[in-house]
């Protein structure tokens, strides 16, 4: 009984060492996704301020962008099977989708259509 328990402990220690490198890699990738989210959100806020002149800032859109970024970051950290490119790409597409429904973009589309 003691010998089999010892073997189980050795196997667990070996698996823990293997996971150590994966955990660090996952943490670094999560930090990269977080930096990307912050940069894109900051760019969105700057562009919205520049276009609207500060009068009609889209706070709701900015809040949606922040919440979506936090969701993607937490999913990247929790699920190790999500690739870095998938997380970054999905947030980039989400940011484009949110930006499409701001007032300046809708006004530009109205101008093109009519």
N, C-alpha and C. Protein backbone atom coordinates (compact mmCIF):
# COMPACT_ATOMS: atom_id res chain seq x y z
N UNK A 1 0.83 -1.19 0.00
CA UNK A 1 0.00 0.00 0.00
C UNK A 1 0.87 1.26 0.00
N UNK A 2 1.89 1.27 0.82
CA UNK A 2 2.75 2.43 0.90
C UNK A 2 3.51 2.66 -0.40
N UNK A 3 3.93 1.57 -1.04
CA UNK A 3 4.67 1.69 -2.29
C UNK A 3 3.79 2.29 -3.40
N UNK A 4 2.55 1.85 -3.49
CA UNK A 4 1.68 2.38 -4.54
C UNK A 4 1.37 3.86 -4.30
N UNK A 5 1.21 4.26 -3.04
CA UNK A 5 0.97 5.67 -2.71
C UNK A 5 2.18 6.52 -3.10
N UNK A 6 3.37 5.97 -2.89
CA UNK A 6 4.60 6.67 -3.25
C UNK A 6 4.67 6.87 -4.77
N UNK A 7 4.28 5.83 -5.54
CA UNK A 7 4.29 5.95 -7.00
C UNK A 7 3.30 7.01 -7.47
N UNK A 8 2.14 7.06 -6.84
CA UNK A 8 1.14 8.06 -7.21
C UNK A 8 1.67 9.46 -6.94
N UNK A 9 2.33 9.65 -5.81
CA UNK A 9 2.90 10.96 -5.48
C UNK A 9 3.98 11.37 -6.47
N UNK A 10 4.82 10.40 -6.90
CA UNK A 10 5.86 10.71 -7.87
C UNK A 10 5.27 11.09 -9.22
N UNK A 11 4.21 10.38 -9.62
CA UNK A 11 3.56 10.71 -10.89
C UNK A 11 2.95 12.10 -10.82
N UNK A 12 2.30 12.43 -9.69
CA UNK A 12 1.69 13.75 -9.52
C UNK A 12 2.75 14.85 -9.56
N UNK A 13 3.92 14.62 -8.93
CA UNK A 13 4.98 15.61 -8.95
C UNK A 13 5.51 15.81 -10.37
N UNK A 14 5.61 14.71 -11.13
CA UNK A 14 6.08 14.81 -12.51
C UNK A 14 5.09 15.61 -13.36
N UNK A 15 3.80 15.34 -13.20
CA UNK A 15 2.78 16.08 -13.95
C UNK A 15 2.77 17.55 -13.54
N UNK A 16 3.01 17.82 -12.27
CA UNK A 16 3.02 19.20 -11.78
C UNK A 16 4.19 19.98 -12.39
N UNK A 17 5.35 19.33 -12.56
CA UNK A 17 6.49 19.98 -13.19
C UNK A 17 6.19 20.29 -14.65
N UNK A 18 5.51 19.36 -15.34
CA UNK A 18 5.15 19.59 -16.73
C UNK A 18 4.17 20.75 -16.86
N UNK A 19 3.22 20.85 -15.93
CA UNK A 19 2.24 21.92 -15.97
C UNK A 19 2.85 23.27 -15.62
N UNK A 20 3.96 23.29 -14.91
CA UNK A 20 4.59 24.54 -14.52
C UNK A 20 4.96 25.39 -15.71
N UNK A 21 5.53 24.79 -16.75
CA UNK A 21 5.89 25.51 -17.95
C UNK A 21 4.67 25.96 -18.73
N UNK A 22 3.64 25.12 -18.74
CA UNK A 22 2.41 25.48 -19.44
C UNK A 22 1.68 26.61 -18.74
N UNK A 23 1.73 26.62 -17.42
CA UNK A 23 1.06 27.68 -16.66
C UNK A 23 1.73 29.02 -16.92
N UNK A 24 3.05 29.03 -16.97
CA UNK A 24 3.77 30.27 -17.24
C UNK A 24 3.49 30.77 -18.65
N UNK A 25 3.46 29.83 -19.62
CA UNK A 25 3.15 30.20 -21.00
C UNK A 25 1.74 30.77 -21.10
N UNK A 26 0.79 30.14 -20.42
CA UNK A 26 -0.59 30.62 -20.44
C UNK A 26 -0.71 32.00 -19.81
N UNK A 27 0.02 32.22 -18.72
CA UNK A 27 -0.01 33.53 -18.05
C UNK A 27 0.58 34.61 -18.95
N UNK A 28 1.67 34.33 -19.61
CA UNK A 28 2.29 35.30 -20.51
C UNK A 28 1.36 35.62 -21.68
N UNK A 29 0.71 34.58 -22.23
CA UNK A 29 -0.22 34.81 -23.32
C UNK A 29 -1.43 35.63 -22.87
N UNK A 30 -1.88 35.39 -21.64
CA UNK A 30 -2.99 36.17 -21.11
C UNK A 30 -2.59 37.63 -20.94
N UNK A 31 -1.38 37.88 -20.51
CA UNK A 31 -0.88 39.26 -20.37
C UNK A 31 -0.81 39.93 -21.74
N UNK A 32 -0.39 39.19 -22.76
CA UNK A 32 -0.33 39.75 -24.11
C UNK A 32 -1.73 40.12 -24.60
N UNK A 33 -2.70 39.24 -24.36
CA UNK A 33 -4.09 39.54 -24.75
C UNK A 33 -4.59 40.77 -23.99
N UNK A 34 -4.27 40.86 -22.70
CA UNK A 34 -4.70 42.00 -21.89
C UNK A 34 -4.10 43.31 -22.42
N UNK A 35 -2.82 43.28 -22.80
CA UNK A 35 -2.20 44.48 -23.36
C UNK A 35 -2.86 44.87 -24.68
N UNK A 36 -3.18 43.89 -25.50
CA UNK A 36 -3.86 44.16 -26.77
C UNK A 36 -5.23 44.79 -26.52
N UNK A 37 -5.96 44.25 -25.56
CA UNK A 37 -7.29 44.79 -25.23
C UNK A 37 -7.18 46.23 -24.75
N UNK A 38 -6.22 46.51 -23.90
CA UNK A 38 -6.05 47.87 -23.39
C UNK A 38 -5.68 48.83 -24.52
N UNK A 39 -4.79 48.41 -25.40
CA UNK A 39 -4.38 49.28 -26.50
C UNK A 39 -5.53 49.56 -27.47
N UNK A 40 -6.29 48.55 -27.82
CA UNK A 40 -7.41 48.74 -28.74
C UNK A 40 -8.50 49.58 -28.10
N UNK A 41 -8.77 49.36 -26.81
CA UNK A 41 -9.78 50.15 -26.11
C UNK A 41 -9.35 51.61 -26.01
N UNK A 42 -8.09 51.84 -25.72
CA UNK A 42 -7.56 53.20 -25.66
C UNK A 42 -7.63 53.88 -27.01
N UNK A 43 -7.32 53.15 -28.06
CA UNK A 43 -7.40 53.71 -29.41
C UNK A 43 -8.84 54.06 -29.77
N UNK A 44 -9.77 53.19 -29.38
CA UNK A 44 -11.18 53.46 -29.62
C UNK A 44 -11.61 54.73 -28.89
N UNK A 45 -11.22 54.87 -27.64
CA UNK A 45 -11.59 56.04 -26.84
C UNK A 45 -10.99 57.31 -27.43
N UNK A 46 -9.74 57.24 -27.87
CA UNK A 46 -9.09 58.41 -28.48
C UNK A 46 -9.78 58.80 -29.78
N UNK A 47 -10.08 57.82 -30.62
CA UNK A 47 -10.73 58.10 -31.89
C UNK A 47 -12.14 58.64 -31.69
N UNK A 48 -12.85 58.09 -30.73
CA UNK A 48 -14.21 58.57 -30.46
C UNK A 48 -14.18 60.00 -29.94
N UNK A 49 -13.20 60.33 -29.12
CA UNK A 49 -13.07 61.69 -28.62
C UNK A 49 -12.71 62.66 -29.75
N UNK A 50 -11.80 62.24 -30.62
CA UNK A 50 -11.36 63.10 -31.72
C UNK A 50 -12.49 63.37 -32.71
N UNK A 51 -13.30 62.35 -32.97
CA UNK A 51 -14.36 62.51 -33.96
C UNK A 51 -15.56 63.27 -33.39
N UNK A 52 -15.94 62.94 -32.17
CA UNK A 52 -17.15 63.55 -31.60
C UNK A 52 -16.86 64.89 -30.95
N UNK A 53 -15.62 65.21 -30.73
CA UNK A 53 -15.27 66.48 -30.11
C UNK A 53 -15.58 66.52 -28.63
N UNK A 54 -15.83 65.42 -28.03
CA UNK A 54 -16.10 65.37 -26.60
C UNK A 54 -17.54 65.64 -26.22
N UNK A 55 -18.37 66.04 -27.20
CA UNK A 55 -19.76 66.35 -26.89
C UNK A 55 -20.61 65.10 -26.73
N UNK A 56 -20.51 64.19 -27.66
CA UNK A 56 -21.33 62.98 -27.64
C UNK A 56 -20.43 61.75 -27.57
N UNK A 57 -19.70 61.62 -26.48
CA UNK A 57 -18.80 60.47 -26.35
C UNK A 57 -19.62 59.20 -26.13
N UNK A 58 -19.31 58.12 -26.85
CA UNK A 58 -20.10 56.89 -26.73
C UNK A 58 -19.69 56.06 -25.50
N UNK A 59 -20.14 56.47 -24.33
CA UNK A 59 -19.79 55.77 -23.10
C UNK A 59 -20.31 54.33 -23.08
N UNK A 60 -21.51 54.14 -23.62
CA UNK A 60 -22.07 52.79 -23.65
C UNK A 60 -21.21 51.87 -24.49
N UNK A 61 -20.77 52.35 -25.64
CA UNK A 61 -19.93 51.54 -26.53
C UNK A 61 -18.59 51.23 -25.86
N UNK A 62 -18.04 52.22 -25.18
CA UNK A 62 -16.78 51.99 -24.47
C UNK A 62 -16.96 50.96 -23.36
N UNK A 63 -18.07 51.04 -22.65
CA UNK A 63 -18.36 50.05 -21.60
C UNK A 63 -18.52 48.65 -22.17
N UNK A 64 -19.20 48.55 -23.31
CA UNK A 64 -19.35 47.25 -23.97
C UNK A 64 -18.00 46.70 -24.41
N UNK A 65 -17.14 47.58 -24.90
CA UNK A 65 -15.81 47.16 -25.33
C UNK A 65 -14.98 46.67 -24.14
N UNK A 66 -15.07 47.36 -23.03
CA UNK A 66 -14.33 46.95 -21.83
C UNK A 66 -14.84 45.61 -21.31
N UNK A 67 -16.16 45.46 -21.23
CA UNK A 67 -16.72 44.20 -20.73
C UNK A 67 -16.39 43.02 -21.65
N UNK A 68 -16.44 43.25 -22.95
CA UNK A 68 -16.07 42.20 -23.90
C UNK A 68 -14.60 41.82 -23.77
N UNK A 69 -13.75 42.82 -23.58
CA UNK A 69 -12.32 42.54 -23.40
C UNK A 69 -12.04 41.76 -22.13
N UNK A 70 -12.71 42.13 -21.05
CA UNK A 70 -12.54 41.39 -19.80
C UNK A 70 -13.03 39.95 -19.93
N UNK A 71 -14.09 39.75 -20.67
CA UNK A 71 -14.61 38.40 -20.89
C UNK A 71 -13.62 37.56 -21.68
N UNK A 72 -13.06 38.12 -22.73
CA UNK A 72 -12.10 37.37 -23.55
C UNK A 72 -10.82 37.09 -22.77
N UNK A 73 -10.38 38.04 -21.96
CA UNK A 73 -9.19 37.82 -21.13
C UNK A 73 -9.43 36.70 -20.13
N UNK A 74 -10.58 36.70 -19.48
CA UNK A 74 -10.86 35.66 -18.49
C UNK A 74 -11.01 34.29 -19.15
N UNK A 75 -11.59 34.27 -20.35
CA UNK A 75 -11.70 32.98 -21.05
C UNK A 75 -10.34 32.47 -21.47
N UNK A 76 -9.45 33.37 -21.89
CA UNK A 76 -8.10 32.96 -22.28
C UNK A 76 -7.34 32.40 -21.10
N UNK A 77 -7.55 33.00 -19.92
CA UNK A 77 -6.85 32.53 -18.74
C UNK A 77 -7.42 31.19 -18.26
N UNK A 78 -8.73 31.04 -18.34
CA UNK A 78 -9.36 29.84 -17.80
C UNK A 78 -9.19 28.62 -18.69
N UNK A 79 -9.33 28.78 -19.99
CA UNK A 79 -9.28 27.65 -20.92
C UNK A 79 -7.95 27.67 -21.66
N UNK A 80 -7.16 26.64 -21.43
CA UNK A 80 -5.82 26.60 -22.00
C UNK A 80 -5.81 26.23 -23.48
N UNK A 81 -6.91 25.75 -24.01
CA UNK A 81 -6.97 25.35 -25.41
C UNK A 81 -7.19 26.52 -26.36
N UNK A 82 -7.52 27.70 -25.84
CA UNK A 82 -7.72 28.87 -26.69
C UNK A 82 -6.35 29.41 -27.10
N UNK A 83 -6.14 29.53 -28.40
CA UNK A 83 -4.88 30.06 -28.89
C UNK A 83 -4.82 31.58 -28.72
N UNK A 84 -3.62 32.09 -28.68
CA UNK A 84 -3.40 33.53 -28.56
C UNK A 84 -4.01 34.27 -29.74
N UNK A 85 -3.80 33.76 -30.93
CA UNK A 85 -4.33 34.41 -32.13
C UNK A 85 -5.85 34.42 -32.15
N UNK A 86 -6.47 33.37 -31.62
CA UNK A 86 -7.92 33.34 -31.57
C UNK A 86 -8.47 34.41 -30.64
N UNK A 87 -7.85 34.57 -29.49
CA UNK A 87 -8.31 35.57 -28.53
C UNK A 87 -8.12 36.99 -29.06
N UNK A 88 -6.95 37.25 -29.64
CA UNK A 88 -6.67 38.57 -30.18
C UNK A 88 -7.57 38.86 -31.38
N UNK A 89 -7.72 37.89 -32.24
CA UNK A 89 -8.57 38.07 -33.42
C UNK A 89 -10.03 38.28 -33.08
N UNK A 90 -10.52 37.53 -32.11
CA UNK A 90 -11.92 37.69 -31.73
C UNK A 90 -12.17 39.06 -31.10
N UNK A 91 -11.22 39.56 -30.31
CA UNK A 91 -11.41 40.89 -29.74
C UNK A 91 -11.31 41.97 -30.82
N UNK A 92 -10.42 41.78 -31.78
CA UNK A 92 -10.31 42.76 -32.86
C UNK A 92 -11.61 42.84 -33.66
N UNK A 93 -12.19 41.69 -33.96
CA UNK A 93 -13.47 41.68 -34.68
C UNK A 93 -14.59 42.28 -33.84
N UNK A 94 -14.56 42.02 -32.55
CA UNK A 94 -15.56 42.60 -31.64
C UNK A 94 -15.42 44.13 -31.59
N UNK A 95 -14.20 44.61 -31.55
CA UNK A 95 -13.97 46.06 -31.53
C UNK A 95 -14.47 46.71 -32.82
N UNK A 96 -14.27 46.06 -33.95
CA UNK A 96 -14.78 46.59 -35.22
C UNK A 96 -16.31 46.61 -35.19
N UNK A 97 -16.91 45.55 -34.66
CA UNK A 97 -18.37 45.49 -34.58
C UNK A 97 -18.93 46.60 -33.69
N UNK A 98 -18.30 46.84 -32.55
CA UNK A 98 -18.75 47.91 -31.66
C UNK A 98 -18.55 49.27 -32.33
N UNK A 99 -17.44 49.46 -33.00
CA UNK A 99 -17.16 50.74 -33.64
C UNK A 99 -18.12 51.02 -34.79
N UNK A 100 -18.63 49.97 -35.44
CA UNK A 100 -19.56 50.17 -36.55
C UNK A 100 -20.87 50.81 -36.10
N UNK A 101 -21.23 50.66 -34.83
CA UNK A 101 -22.51 51.18 -34.37
C UNK A 101 -22.37 52.47 -33.57
N UNK A 102 -21.28 53.18 -33.75
CA UNK A 102 -21.16 54.51 -33.15
C UNK A 102 -21.75 55.54 -34.12
N UNK A 103 -22.08 56.70 -33.59
CA UNK A 103 -22.76 57.72 -34.39
C UNK A 103 -21.97 58.18 -35.62
N UNK A 104 -20.66 58.44 -35.51
CA UNK A 104 -19.93 58.92 -36.70
C UNK A 104 -19.92 57.90 -37.85
N UNK A 105 -19.81 56.63 -37.52
CA UNK A 105 -19.78 55.61 -38.56
C UNK A 105 -21.16 55.48 -39.21
N UNK A 106 -22.21 55.54 -38.40
CA UNK A 106 -23.56 55.44 -38.95
C UNK A 106 -23.86 56.66 -39.84
N UNK A 107 -23.40 57.83 -39.43
CA UNK A 107 -23.59 59.02 -40.27
C UNK A 107 -22.83 58.90 -41.58
N UNK A 108 -21.65 58.31 -41.56
CA UNK A 108 -20.89 58.11 -42.79
C UNK A 108 -21.59 57.12 -43.71
N UNK A 109 -22.16 56.07 -43.15
CA UNK A 109 -22.89 55.09 -43.96
C UNK A 109 -24.14 55.74 -44.56
N UNK A 110 -24.83 56.55 -43.77
CA UNK A 110 -26.01 57.28 -44.30
C UNK A 110 -25.60 58.18 -45.46
N UNK A 111 -24.45 58.83 -45.34
CA UNK A 111 -23.97 59.70 -46.42
C UNK A 111 -23.63 58.92 -47.66
N UNK A 112 -23.11 57.71 -47.53
CA UNK A 112 -22.76 56.89 -48.68
C UNK A 112 -24.01 56.34 -49.37
N UNK A 113 -25.01 56.00 -48.57
CA UNK A 113 -26.21 55.39 -49.13
C UNK A 113 -27.06 56.42 -49.85
N UNK A 114 -27.19 57.61 -49.29
CA UNK A 114 -28.08 58.61 -49.91
C UNK A 114 -27.35 59.58 -50.81
